[in-house]
PDB file of N, CA and C in Angstrom:
ATOM      1  N   MET A   1       8.438  -6.535  24.321  1.00  0.00           N
ATOM      2  CA  MET A   1       7.829  -5.075  24.455  1.00  0.00           C
ATOM      3  C   MET A   1       6.895  -5.341  22.705  1.00  0.00           C
ATOM      4  N   GLU A   2       5.574  -5.798  22.580  1.00  0.00           N
ATOM      5  CA  GLU A   2       4.853  -6.072  21.620  1.00  0.00           C
ATOM      6  C   GLU A   2       5.017  -4.784  21.074  1.00  0.00           C
ATOM      7  N   THR A   3       4.967  -4.870  19.293  1.00  0.00           N
ATOM      8  CA  THR A   3       4.937  -3.283  18.685  1.00  0.00           C
ATOM      9  C   THR A   3       3.562  -3.758  18.199  1.00  0.00           C
ATOM     10  N   ASN A   4       2.560  -2.340  18.250  1.00  0.00           N
ATOM     11  CA  ASN A   4       1.256  -2.686  17.429  1.00  0.00           C
ATOM     12  C   ASN A   4       1.661  -2.617  15.887  1.00  0.00           C
ATOM     13  N   LYS A   5       0.281  -2.866  15.098  1.00  0.00           N
ATOM     14  CA  LYS A   5      -0.032  -3.226  14.245  1.00  0.00           C
ATOM     15  C   LYS A   5      -0.144  -1.595  13.650  1.00  0.00           C
ATOM     16  N   GLN A   6      -0.167  -1.003  14.056  1.00  0.00           N
ATOM     17  CA  GLN A   6       0.083   0.521  12.784  1.00  0.00           C
ATOM     18  C   GLN A   6       1.694   1.100  13.359  1.00  0.00           C
ATOM     19  N   ASP A   7       1.927   0.249  14.411  1.00  0.00           N
ATOM     20  CA  ASP A   7       3.562   1.013  14.718  1.00  0.00           C
ATOM     21  C   ASP A   7       3.941   0.321  13.992  1.00  0.00           C
ATOM     22  N   LEU A   8       4.163  -0.616  13.117  1.00  0.00           N
ATOM     23  CA  LEU A   8       4.691  -1.714  11.752  1.00  0.00           C
ATOM     24  C   LEU A   8       4.497  -0.942  10.519  1.00  0.00           C
ATOM     25  N   PHE A   9       3.519  -0.621  10.503  1.00  0.00           N
ATOM     26  CA  PHE A   9       3.103  -0.005   9.365  1.00  0.00           C
ATOM     27  C   PHE A   9       4.024   1.331   9.725  1.00  0.00           C
ATOM     28  N   LYS A  10       3.761   2.672  10.744  1.00  0.00           N
ATOM     29  CA  LYS A  10       5.235   3.371  10.404  1.00  0.00           C
ATOM     30  C   LYS A  10       6.309   2.904  10.068  1.00  0.00           C
ATOM     31  N   LYS A  11       6.661   2.157  10.886  1.00  0.00           N
ATOM     32  CA  LYS A  11       8.083   1.838  10.780  1.00  0.00           C
ATOM     33  C   LYS A  11       7.912   1.525   9.189  1.00  0.00           C
ATOM     34  N   LEU A  12       7.570   0.450   8.471  1.00  0.00           N
ATOM     35  CA  LEU A  12       7.224   0.309   6.811  1.00  0.00           C
ATOM     36  C   LEU A  12       7.617   1.892   6.035  1.00  0.00           C
ATOM     37  N   LEU A  13       6.668   2.576   6.229  1.00  0.00           N
ATOM     38  CA  LEU A  13       7.180   4.356   6.073  1.00  0.00           C
ATOM     39  C   LEU A  13       7.807   4.691   6.133  1.00  0.00           C
ATOM     40  N   ARG A  14       9.054   4.394   7.285  1.00  0.00           N
ATOM     41  CA  ARG A  14      10.047   5.085   6.952  1.00  0.00           C
ATOM     42  C   ARG A  14      11.683   4.024   6.767  1.00  0.00           C
ATOM     43  N   GLN A  15      10.429   2.874   6.433  1.00  0.00           N
ATOM     44  CA  GLN A  15      12.288   1.686   5.944  1.00  0.00           C
ATOM     45  C   GLN A  15      12.117   2.221   4.425  1.00  0.00           C
ATOM     46  N   ILE A  16      10.972   2.816   3.519  1.00  0.00           N
ATOM     47  CA  ILE A  16      10.821   3.238   2.051  1.00  0.00           C
ATOM     48  C   ILE A  16      10.719   3.977   1.898  1.00  0.00           C
ATOM     49  N   ASN A  17      11.367   4.999   2.648  1.00  0.00           N
ATOM     50  CA  ASN A  17      11.689   6.524   3.115  1.00  0.00           C
ATOM     51  C   ASN A  17       9.871   7.641   2.219  1.00  0.00           C
ATOM     52  N   TRP A  18       8.835   6.792   3.071  1.00  0.00           N
ATOM     53  CA  TRP A  18       8.059   7.328   2.287  1.00  0.00           C
ATOM     54  C   TRP A  18       7.268   8.611   3.367  1.00  0.00           C
ATOM     55  N   GLU A  19       7.938   8.484   4.403  1.00  0.00           N
ATOM     56  CA  GLU A  19       7.528   9.215   5.212  1.00  0.00           C
ATOM     57  C   GLU A  19       7.785  10.955   5.299  1.00  0.00           C
ATOM     58  N   ASN A  20       6.905  11.747   4.649  1.00  0.00           N
ATOM     59  CA  ASN A  20       6.803  13.470   5.156  1.00  0.00           C
ATOM     60  C   ASN A  20       8.003  13.667   2.795  1.00  0.00           C
ATOM     61  N   LYS A  21       7.339  12.447   2.165  1.00  0.00           N
ATOM     62  CA  LYS A  21       8.152  13.070   1.070  1.00  0.00           C
ATOM     63  C   LYS A  21       7.009  13.190   0.241  1.00  0.00           C
ATOM     64  N   HIS A  22       5.747  12.928   0.451  1.00  0.00           N
ATOM     65  CA  HIS A  22       4.652  12.359  -0.781  1.00  0.00           C
ATOM     66  C   HIS A  22       3.603  13.660  -0.700  1.00  0.00           C
ATOM     67  N   GLY A  23       2.733  13.722   0.700  1.00  0.00           N
ATOM     68  CA  GLY A  23       2.346  14.542   0.654  1.00  0.00           C
ATOM     69  C   GLY A  23       1.297  13.780   1.117  1.00  0.00           C
ATOM     70  N   PHE A  24       0.732  12.501   1.823  1.00  0.00           N
ATOM     71  CA  PHE A  24       0.040  11.207   1.701  1.00  0.00           C
ATOM     72  C   PHE A  24      -0.333  10.965   2.348  1.00  0.00           C
ATOM     73  N   GLU A  25       0.611  11.646   3.700  1.00  0.00           N
ATOM     74  CA  GLU A  25       0.215  10.862   5.233  1.00  0.00           C
ATOM     75  C   GLU A  25      -1.304  10.001   5.355  1.00  0.00           C
ATOM     76  N   GLU A  26      -1.880  11.686   5.239  1.00  0.00           N
ATOM     77  CA  GLU A  26      -3.027  11.518   5.964  1.00  0.00           C
ATOM     78  C   GLU A  26      -3.985  10.394   5.632  1.00  0.00           C
ATOM     79  N   VAL A  27      -4.345   9.666   3.904  1.00  0.00           N
ATOM     80  CA  VAL A  27      -4.160   8.447   3.595  1.00  0.00           C
ATOM     81  C   VAL A  27      -4.007   6.816   4.527  1.00  0.00           C
ATOM     82  N   PHE A  28      -2.472   7.429   4.932  1.00  0.00           N
ATOM     83  CA  PHE A  28      -2.725   6.350   5.995  1.00  0.00           C
ATOM     84  C   PHE A  28      -2.309   6.328   7.590  1.00  0.00           C
ATOM     85  N   THR A  29      -3.518   7.104   7.931  1.00  0.00           N
ATOM     86  CA  THR A  29      -4.333   7.493   9.301  1.00  0.00           C
ATOM     87  C   THR A  29      -4.615   5.654  10.112  1.00  0.00           C
ATOM     88  N   ASN A  30      -4.086   5.745  11.196  1.00  0.00           N
ATOM     89  CA  ASN A  30      -4.652   4.631  11.429  1.00  0.00           C
ATOM     90  C   ASN A  30      -4.382   3.477  10.604  1.00  0.00           C
ATOM     91  N   ALA A  31      -3.150   3.131   9.207  1.00  0.00           N
ATOM     92  CA  ALA A  31      -2.956   1.955   8.626  1.00  0.00           C
ATOM     93  C   ALA A  31      -2.190   1.330   9.301  1.00  0.00           C
ATOM     94  N   GLU A  32      -2.615  -0.394   9.339  1.00  0.00           N
ATOM     95  CA  GLU A  32      -1.974  -1.516   9.471  1.00  0.00           C
ATOM     96  C   GLU A  32      -1.263  -2.056   9.057  1.00  0.00           C
ATOM     97  N   ILE A  33      -0.021  -2.610   9.366  1.00  0.00           N
ATOM     98  CA  ILE A  33       0.194  -3.934   8.660  1.00  0.00           C
ATOM     99  C   ILE A  33      -0.480  -5.526   9.947  1.00  0.00           C
ATOM    100  N   GLN A  34      -1.485  -6.350   8.839  1.00  0.00           N
ATOM    101  CA  GLN A  34      -1.780  -7.289   9.001  1.00  0.00           C
ATOM    102  C   GLN A  34      -1.467  -8.941   9.404  1.00  0.00           C
ATOM    103  N   LYS A  35      -0.181  -8.883   8.048  1.00  0.00           N
ATOM    104  CA  LYS A  35       0.338 -10.234   8.099  1.00  0.00           C
ATOM    105  C   LYS A  35       1.354  -9.389   7.019  1.00  0.00           C
ATOM    106  N   VAL A  36       2.773 -10.598   6.756  1.00  0.00           N
ATOM    107  CA  VAL A  36       3.448 -11.000   6.113  1.00  0.00           C
ATOM    108  C   VAL A  36       3.858 -11.893   5.561  1.00  0.00           C
ATOM    109  N   GLU A  37       3.142 -12.212   4.106  1.00  0.00           N
ATOM    110  CA  GLU A  37       3.665 -13.878   4.126  1.00  0.00           C
ATOM    111  C   GLU A  37       4.888 -14.034   3.164  1.00  0.00           C
ATOM    112  N   VAL A  38       6.145 -14.551   3.954  1.00  0.00           N
ATOM    113  CA  VAL A  38       7.145 -15.258   2.700  1.00  0.00           C
ATOM    114  C   VAL A  38       7.059 -16.249   2.305  1.00  0.00           C
ATOM    115  N   HIS A  39       7.196 -16.254   0.623  1.00  0.00           N
ATOM    116  CA  HIS A  39       7.746 -17.235   0.348  1.00  0.00           C
ATOM    117  C   HIS A  39       8.493 -17.373  -0.622  1.00  0.00           C
ATOM    118  N   VAL A  40       9.663 -18.134  -0.048  1.00  0.00           N
ATOM    119  CA  VAL A  40      10.845 -18.641   0.298  1.00  0.00           C
ATOM    120  C   VAL A  40      11.538 -19.046  -1.371  1.00  0.00           C
ATOM    121  N   GLU A  41      10.812 -19.525  -1.464  1.00  0.00           N
ATOM    122  CA  GLU A  41      11.130 -20.304  -2.950  1.00  0.00           C
ATOM    123  C   GLU A  41      11.222 -19.311  -3.084  1.00  0.00           C
ATOM    124  N   SER A  42      10.191 -18.174  -4.260  1.00  0.00           N
ATOM    125  CA  SER A  42       9.573 -17.708  -4.865  1.00  0.00           C
ATOM    126  C   SER A  42      10.660 -16.228  -4.986  1.00  0.00           C
ATOM    127  N   LYS A  43      10.615 -16.220  -3.648  1.00  0.00           N
ATOM    128  CA  LYS A  43      11.443 -15.058  -3.354  1.00  0.00           C
ATOM    129  C   LYS A  43      10.215 -13.542  -3.016  1.00  0.00           C
ATOM    130  N   VAL A  44       8.807 -14.191  -2.738  1.00  0.00           N
ATOM    131  CA  VAL A  44       7.852 -12.638  -2.692  1.00  0.00           C
ATOM    132  C   VAL A  44       7.713 -12.305  -1.151  1.00  0.00           C
ATOM    133  N   TRP A  45       7.391 -12.099  -1.028  1.00  0.00           N
ATOM    134  CA  TRP A  45       6.741 -10.932   0.372  1.00  0.00           C
ATOM    135  C   TRP A  45       6.003 -10.081   0.111  1.00  0.00           C
ATOM    136  N   ASN A  46       4.768 -11.206   0.304  1.00  0.00           N
ATOM    137  CA  ASN A  46       3.239 -10.381   0.452  1.00  0.00           C
ATOM    138  C   ASN A  46       3.064  -9.714   1.562  1.00  0.00           C
ATOM    139  N   PHE A  47       2.311  -8.358   1.335  1.00  0.00           N
ATOM    140  CA  PHE A  47       1.991  -7.496   2.425  1.00  0.00           C
ATOM    141  C   PHE A  47       0.471  -7.327   1.938  1.00  0.00           C
ATOM    142  N   HIS A  48      -0.077  -7.441   4.147  1.00  0.00           N
ATOM    143  CA  HIS A  48      -1.782  -7.618   3.536  1.00  0.00           C
ATOM    144  C   HIS A  48      -1.226  -6.682   4.440  1.00  0.00           C
ATOM    145  N   LEU A  49      -2.054  -5.177   4.272  1.00  0.00           N
ATOM    146  CA  LEU A  49      -2.445  -3.942   4.969  1.00  0.00           C
ATOM    147  C   LEU A  49      -3.456  -3.188   5.460  1.00  0.00           C
ATOM    148  N   GLN A  50      -4.025  -2.868   6.014  1.00  0.00           N
ATOM    149  CA  GLN A  50      -5.618  -2.486   6.656  1.00  0.00           C
ATOM    150  C   GLN A  50      -5.514  -1.137   5.815  1.00  0.00           C
ATOM    151  N   ILE A  51      -5.894  -0.547   5.761  1.00  0.00           N
ATOM    152  CA  ILE A  51      -6.537   0.840   5.493  1.00  0.00           C
ATOM    153  C   ILE A  51      -7.631   1.134   5.896  1.00  0.00           C
ATOM    154  N   GLU A  52      -7.827   2.832   6.041  1.00  0.00           N
ATOM    155  CA  GLU A  52      -9.323   2.685   5.891  1.00  0.00           C
ATOM    156  C   GLU A  52     -10.487   3.250   4.201  1.00  0.00           C
ATOM    157  N   ASP A  53      -9.312   3.640   3.314  1.00  0.00           N
ATOM    158  CA  ASP A  53     -10.581   3.749   2.776  1.00  0.00           C
ATOM    159  C   ASP A  53      -9.196   3.437   1.044  1.00  0.00           C
ATOM    160  N   ILE A  54     -10.292   3.084   0.450  1.00  0.00           N
ATOM    161  CA  ILE A  54      -9.618   3.228  -0.901  1.00  0.00           C
ATOM    162  C   ILE A  54      -8.488   4.297  -1.751  1.00  0.00           C
ATOM    163  N   LEU A  55      -7.546   3.542  -1.510  1.00  0.00           N
ATOM    164  CA  LEU A  55      -6.306   4.942  -1.833  1.00  0.00           C
ATOM    165  C   LEU A  55      -6.630   5.641  -3.562  1.00  0.00           C
ATOM    166  N   PRO A  56      -6.050   6.687  -3.543  1.00  0.00           N
ATOM    167  CA  PRO A  56      -5.819   7.330  -4.954  1.00  0.00           C
ATOM    168  C   PRO A  56      -5.095   6.566  -5.612  1.00  0.00           C
ATOM    169  N   TYR A  57      -5.841   6.396  -6.641  1.00  0.00           N
ATOM    170  CA  TYR A  57      -4.856   5.674  -7.299  1.00  0.00           C
ATOM    171  C   TYR A  57      -2.911   6.243  -7.594  1.00  0.00           C
ATOM    172  N   GLU A  58      -2.847   7.631  -8.309  1.00  0.00           N
ATOM    173  CA  GLU A  58      -1.947   8.460  -7.556  1.00  0.00           C
ATOM    174  C   GLU A  58      -0.811   7.557  -6.236  1.00  0.00           C
ATOM    175  N   VAL A  59      -1.713   7.854  -5.622  1.00  0.00           N
ATOM    176  CA  VAL A  59      -0.925   7.010  -4.213  1.00  0.00           C
ATOM    177  C   VAL A  59      -0.647   6.305  -3.800  1.00  0.00           C
ATOM    178  N   PHE A  60      -1.889   4.938  -4.187  1.00  0.00           N
ATOM    179  CA  PHE A  60      -1.967   3.847  -4.345  1.00  0.00           C
ATOM    180  C   PHE A  60      -0.119   3.268  -5.372  1.00  0.00           C
ATOM    181  N   TYR A  61      -0.064   3.895  -6.551  1.00  0.00           N
ATOM    182  CA  TYR A  61       0.703   3.719  -7.821  1.00  0.00           C
ATOM    183  C   TYR A  61       2.307   4.033  -7.051  1.00  0.00           C
ATOM    184  N   GLN A  62       2.294   5.264  -6.192  1.00  0.00           N
ATOM    185  CA  GLN A  62       3.679   5.703  -5.685  1.00  0.00           C
ATOM    186  C   GLN A  62       4.261   4.604  -4.702  1.00  0.00           C
ATOM    187  N   PHE A  63       3.209   4.401  -4.014  1.00  0.00           N
ATOM    188  CA  PHE A  63       3.303   3.181  -2.457  1.00  0.00           C
ATOM    189  C   PHE A  63       4.054   2.532  -3.092  1.00  0.00           C
ATOM    190  N   TYR A  64       3.288   1.230  -3.952  1.00  0.00           N
ATOM    191  CA  TYR A  64       3.480   0.249  -4.256  1.00  0.00           C
ATOM    192  C   TYR A  64       5.035   0.354  -5.008  1.00  0.00           C
ATOM    193  N   GLN A  65       5.681   1.784  -5.747  1.00  0.00           N
ATOM    194  CA  GLN A  65       6.530   1.599  -6.546  1.00  0.00           C
ATOM    195  C   GLN A  65       8.165   1.426  -5.455  1.00  0.00           C
ATOM    196  N   GLN A  66       6.983   2.790  -4.393  1.00  0.00           N
ATOM    197  CA  GLN A  66       8.723   2.578  -3.836  1.00  0.00           C
ATOM    198  C   GLN A  66       9.032   1.660  -2.584  1.00  0.00           C
ATOM    199  N   LEU A  67       7.631   1.050  -2.664  1.00  0.00           N
ATOM    200  CA  LEU A  67       7.562  -0.773  -2.040  1.00  0.00           C
ATOM    201  C   LEU A  67       8.712  -1.681  -2.622  1.00  0.00           C
ATOM    202  N   GLN A  68       8.334  -1.323  -3.752  1.00  0.00           N
ATOM    203  CA  GLN A  68       9.195  -2.959  -4.559  1.00  0.00           C
ATOM    204  C   GLN A  68      10.475  -2.236  -5.178  1.00  0.00           C
ATOM    205  N   LEU A  69      11.207  -0.717  -4.692  1.00  0.00           N
ATOM    206  CA  LEU A  69      12.019  -0.344  -4.952  1.00  0.00           C
ATOM    207  C   LEU A  69      12.811  -0.636  -3.681  1.00  0.00           C
ATOM    208  N   ALA A  70      12.091  -0.096  -2.446  1.00  0.00           N
ATOM    209  CA  ALA A  70      12.963  -0.627  -1.870  1.00  0.00           C
ATOM    210  C   ALA A  70      13.511  -2.055  -1.208  1.00  0.00           C
ATOM    211  N   PHE A  71      12.249  -2.836  -1.230  1.00  0.00           N
ATOM    212  CA  PHE A  71      13.212  -4.580  -1.369  1.00  0.00           C
ATOM    213  C   PHE A  71      13.270  -5.201  -2.270  1.00  0.00           C
ATOM    214  N   LYS A  72      13.975  -4.122  -3.401  1.00  0.00           N
ATOM    215  CA  LYS A  72      14.513  -4.861  -4.338  1.00  0.00           C
ATOM    216  C   LYS A  72      15.829  -5.574  -4.653  1.00  0.00           C
ATOM    217  N   ASP A  73      17.002  -5.288  -3.378  1.00  0.00           N
ATOM    218  CA  ASP A  73      17.211  -6.465  -3.824  1.00  0.00           C
ATOM    219  C   ASP A  73      17.442  -7.468  -2.720  1.00  0.00           C
ATOM    220  N   ILE A  74      15.985  -8.044  -1.779  1.00  0.00           N
ATOM    221  CA  ILE A  74      15.500  -8.546  -0.758  1.00  0.00           C
ATOM    222  C   ILE A  74      14.547  -9.718  -1.616  1.00  0.00           C
ATOM    223  N   ALA A  75      13.739  -9.100  -1.714  1.00  0.00           N
ATOM    224  CA  ALA A  75      12.602 -10.060  -2.551  1.00  0.00           C
ATOM    225  C   ALA A  75      11.203  -9.541  -3.769  1.00  0.00           C
ATOM    226  N   LYS A  76      10.862  -9.800  -4.207  1.00  0.00           N
ATOM    227  CA  LYS A  76       9.504  -9.372  -5.062  1.00  0.00           C
ATOM    228  C   LYS A  76       8.828  -8.979  -3.808  1.00  0.00           C
ATOM    229  N   VAL A  77       7.692  -7.597  -4.251  1.00  0.00           N
ATOM    230  CA  VAL A  77       6.902  -7.476  -3.327  1.00  0.00           C
ATOM    231  C   VAL A  77       5.467  -7.213  -4.080  1.00  0.00           C
ATOM    232  N   ASP A  78       4.613  -8.027  -2.983  1.00  0.00           N
ATOM    233  CA  ASP A  78       3.128  -7.305  -3.441  1.00  0.00           C
ATOM    234  C   ASP A  78       2.393  -6.756  -2.062  1.00  0.00           C
ATOM    235  N   ILE A  79       0.846  -6.114  -2.856  1.00  0.00           N
ATOM    236  CA  ILE A  79       0.298  -6.518  -1.829  1.00  0.00           C
ATOM    237  C   ILE A  79      -0.880  -6.123  -1.601  1.00  0.00           C
ATOM    238  N   THR A  80      -1.359  -6.704  -0.562  1.00  0.00           N
ATOM    239  CA  THR A  80      -3.081  -7.265  -0.518  1.00  0.00           C
ATOM    240  C   THR A  80      -3.643  -5.989   0.272  1.00  0.00           C
ATOM    241  N   LEU A  81      -4.552  -4.709  -0.510  1.00  0.00           N
ATOM    242  CA  LEU A  81      -5.129  -4.066   0.445  1.00  0.00           C
ATOM    243  C   LEU A  81      -6.475  -4.392   0.886  1.00  0.00           C
ATOM    244  N   HIS A  82      -6.865  -4.132   2.423  1.00  0.00           N
ATOM    245  CA  HIS A  82      -7.840  -4.548   3.128  1.00  0.00           C
ATOM    246  C   HIS A  82      -8.692  -3.027   2.958  1.00  0.00           C
ATOM    247  N   THR A  83      -9.929  -2.621   3.331  1.00  0.00           N
ATOM    248  CA  THR A  83     -10.143  -1.656   3.614  1.00  0.00           C
ATOM    249  C   THR A  83     -11.603  -2.212   4.543  1.00  0.00           C
ATOM    250  N   LYS A  84     -11.097  -1.153   6.018  1.00  0.00           N
ATOM    251  CA  LYS A  84     -12.212  -0.224   6.744  1.00  0.00           C
ATOM    252  C   LYS A  84     -13.606  -0.155   5.903  1.00  0.00           C
ATOM    253  N   ASN A  85     -13.266   1.202   5.323  1.00  0.00           N
ATOM    254  CA  ASN A  85     -15.304   1.992   5.050  1.00  0.00           C
ATOM    255  C   ASN A  85     -14.294   2.636   3.545  1.00  0.00           C
ATOM    256  N   PRO A  86     -14.086   1.527   2.416  1.00  0.00           N
ATOM    257  CA  PRO A  86     -14.367   1.842   1.104  1.00  0.00           C
ATOM    258  C   PRO A  86     -15.436   2.864   0.309  1.00  0.00           C
ATOM    259  N   ILE A  87     -14.950   4.334   0.055  1.00  0.00           N
ATOM    260  CA  ILE A  87     -15.874   4.673  -0.083  1.00  0.00           C
ATOM    261  C   ILE A  87     -15.644   4.707  -1.660  1.00  0.00           C
ATOM    262  N   ILE A  88     -16.538   4.428  -2.501  1.00  0.00           N
ATOM    263  CA  ILE A  88     -15.890   4.445  -3.703  1.00  0.00           C
ATOM    264  C   ILE A  88     -16.978   5.337  -4.285  1.00  0.00           C
ATOM    265  N   THR A  89     -16.066   6.342  -5.260  1.00  0.00           N
ATOM    266  CA  THR A  89     -16.430   7.796  -5.832  1.00  0.00           C
ATOM    267  C   THR A  89     -16.096   7.791  -7.501  1.00  0.00           C
ATOM    268  N   ASN A  90     -16.834   8.756  -8.350  1.00  0.00           N
ATOM    269  CA  ASN A  90     -16.520   9.001  -9.492  1.00  0.00           C
ATOM    270  C   ASN A  90     -14.904   8.982  -9.939  1.00  0.00           C
ATOM    271  N   GLN A  91     -14.715  10.125  -9.267  1.00  0.00           N
ATOM    272  CA  GLN A  91     -12.692  10.131  -9.711  1.00  0.00           C
ATOM    273  C   GLN A  91     -11.557   9.356  -8.908  1.00  0.00           C
ATOM    274  N   LYS A  92     -12.500   8.478  -8.520  1.00  0.00           N
ATOM    275  CA  LYS A  92     -11.313   7.238  -8.085  1.00  0.00           C
ATOM    276  C   LYS A  92     -11.647   5.631  -8.790  1.00  0.00           C
ATOM    277  N   LEU A  93     -12.977   6.111  -9.201  1.00  0.00           N
ATOM    278  CA  LEU A  93     -13.191   4.679 -10.554  1.00  0.00           C
ATOM    279  C   LEU A  93     -12.409   4.778 -11.704  1.00  0.00           C
ATOM    280  N   GLY A  94     -12.718   6.354 -12.007  1.00  0.00           N
ATOM    281  CA  GLY A  94     -12.452   6.765 -13.637  1.00  0.00           C
ATOM    282  C   GLY A  94     -11.075   6.627 -13.212  1.00  0.00           C
ATOM    283  N   ASP A  95     -10.146   7.115 -12.414  1.00  0.00           N
ATOM    284  CA  ASP A  95      -8.507   6.968 -11.826  1.00  0.00           C
ATOM    285  C   ASP A  95      -8.051   5.524 -12.105  1.00  0.00           C
ATOM    286  N   TYR A  96      -8.549   4.949 -11.646  1.00  0.00           N
ATOM    287  CA  TYR A  96      -7.816   2.977 -11.149  1.00  0.00           C
ATOM    288  C   TYR A  96      -8.708   2.899 -13.345  1.00  0.00           C
ATOM    289  N   CYS A  97      -9.897   2.872 -13.961  1.00  0.00           N
ATOM    290  CA  CYS A  97     -10.436   2.541 -14.226  1.00  0.00           C
ATOM    291  C   CYS A  97      -8.862   3.053 -16.031  1.00  0.00           C
ATOM    292  N   MET A  98      -9.057   4.341 -16.133  1.00  0.00           N
ATOM    293  CA  MET A  98      -7.745   4.455 -16.883  1.00  0.00           C
ATOM    294  C   MET A  98      -6.577   4.024 -16.784  1.00  0.00           C
ATOM    295  N   GLN A  99      -5.711   3.998 -15.453  1.00  0.00           N
ATOM    296  CA  GLN A  99      -4.721   3.214 -15.573  1.00  0.00           C
ATOM    297  C   GLN A  99      -4.728   1.980 -16.056  1.00  0.00           C
ATOM    298  N   SER A 100      -5.945   1.077 -15.868  1.00  0.00           N
ATOM    299  CA  SER A 100      -5.887   0.056 -16.221  1.00  0.00           C
ATOM    300  C   SER A 100      -6.659  -0.289 -18.049  1.00  0.00           C
ATOM    301  N   GLY A 101      -6.452   1.044 -18.809  1.00  0.00           N
ATOM    302  CA  GLY A 101      -7.049   0.715 -20.209  1.00  0.00           C
ATOM    303  C   GLY A 101      -8.924   0.768 -20.439  1.00  0.00           C
ATOM    304  N   ILE A 102      -9.793   0.425 -18.915  1.00  0.00           N
ATOM    305  CA  ILE A 102     -10.849   0.351 -19.669  1.00  0.00           C
ATOM    306  C   ILE A 102     -11.301   1.721 -19.619  1.00  0.00           C
ATOM    307  N   GLN A 103     -12.455   1.291 -20.625  1.00  0.00           N
ATOM    308  CA  GLN A 103     -12.993   2.860 -20.908  1.00  0.00           C
ATOM    309  C   GLN A 103     -14.620   2.699 -20.503  1.00  0.00           C
ATOM    310  N   SER A 104     -14.540   3.456 -19.974  1.00  0.00           N
ATOM    311  CA  SER A 104     -16.188   4.221 -19.595  1.00  0.00           C
ATOM    312  C   SER A 104     -17.302   4.845 -20.449  1.00  0.00           C
ATOM    313  N   SER A 105     -18.548   4.627 -20.241  1.00  0.00           N
ATOM    314  CA  SER A 105     -19.059   5.150 -20.742  1.00  0.00           C
ATOM    315  C   SER A 105     -20.006   6.764 -20.287  1.00  0.00           C
TER     316      SER A 105
END
């Protein structure tokens, strides 16, 4: 029985204790794990995730932190996000810029 990519993503959410914890489940509707690149020598796992839209910065940050925490004894983790229908808003852009130290005028 083959597990589909959305089921794999839901399993990942359970594994990192994300489900029903943060109140952001709607942003992960239809999210999928596209692939996981495992770099054996450097012990880095890169999760390629497909999501509908650009995540709000707070959701991205919390998700990434939770993912790192859950896998800390196994490997360093990175994520590559692929968006199906990215919508860039001033709010999202401003939040990401503020966190990266970029000043907008």
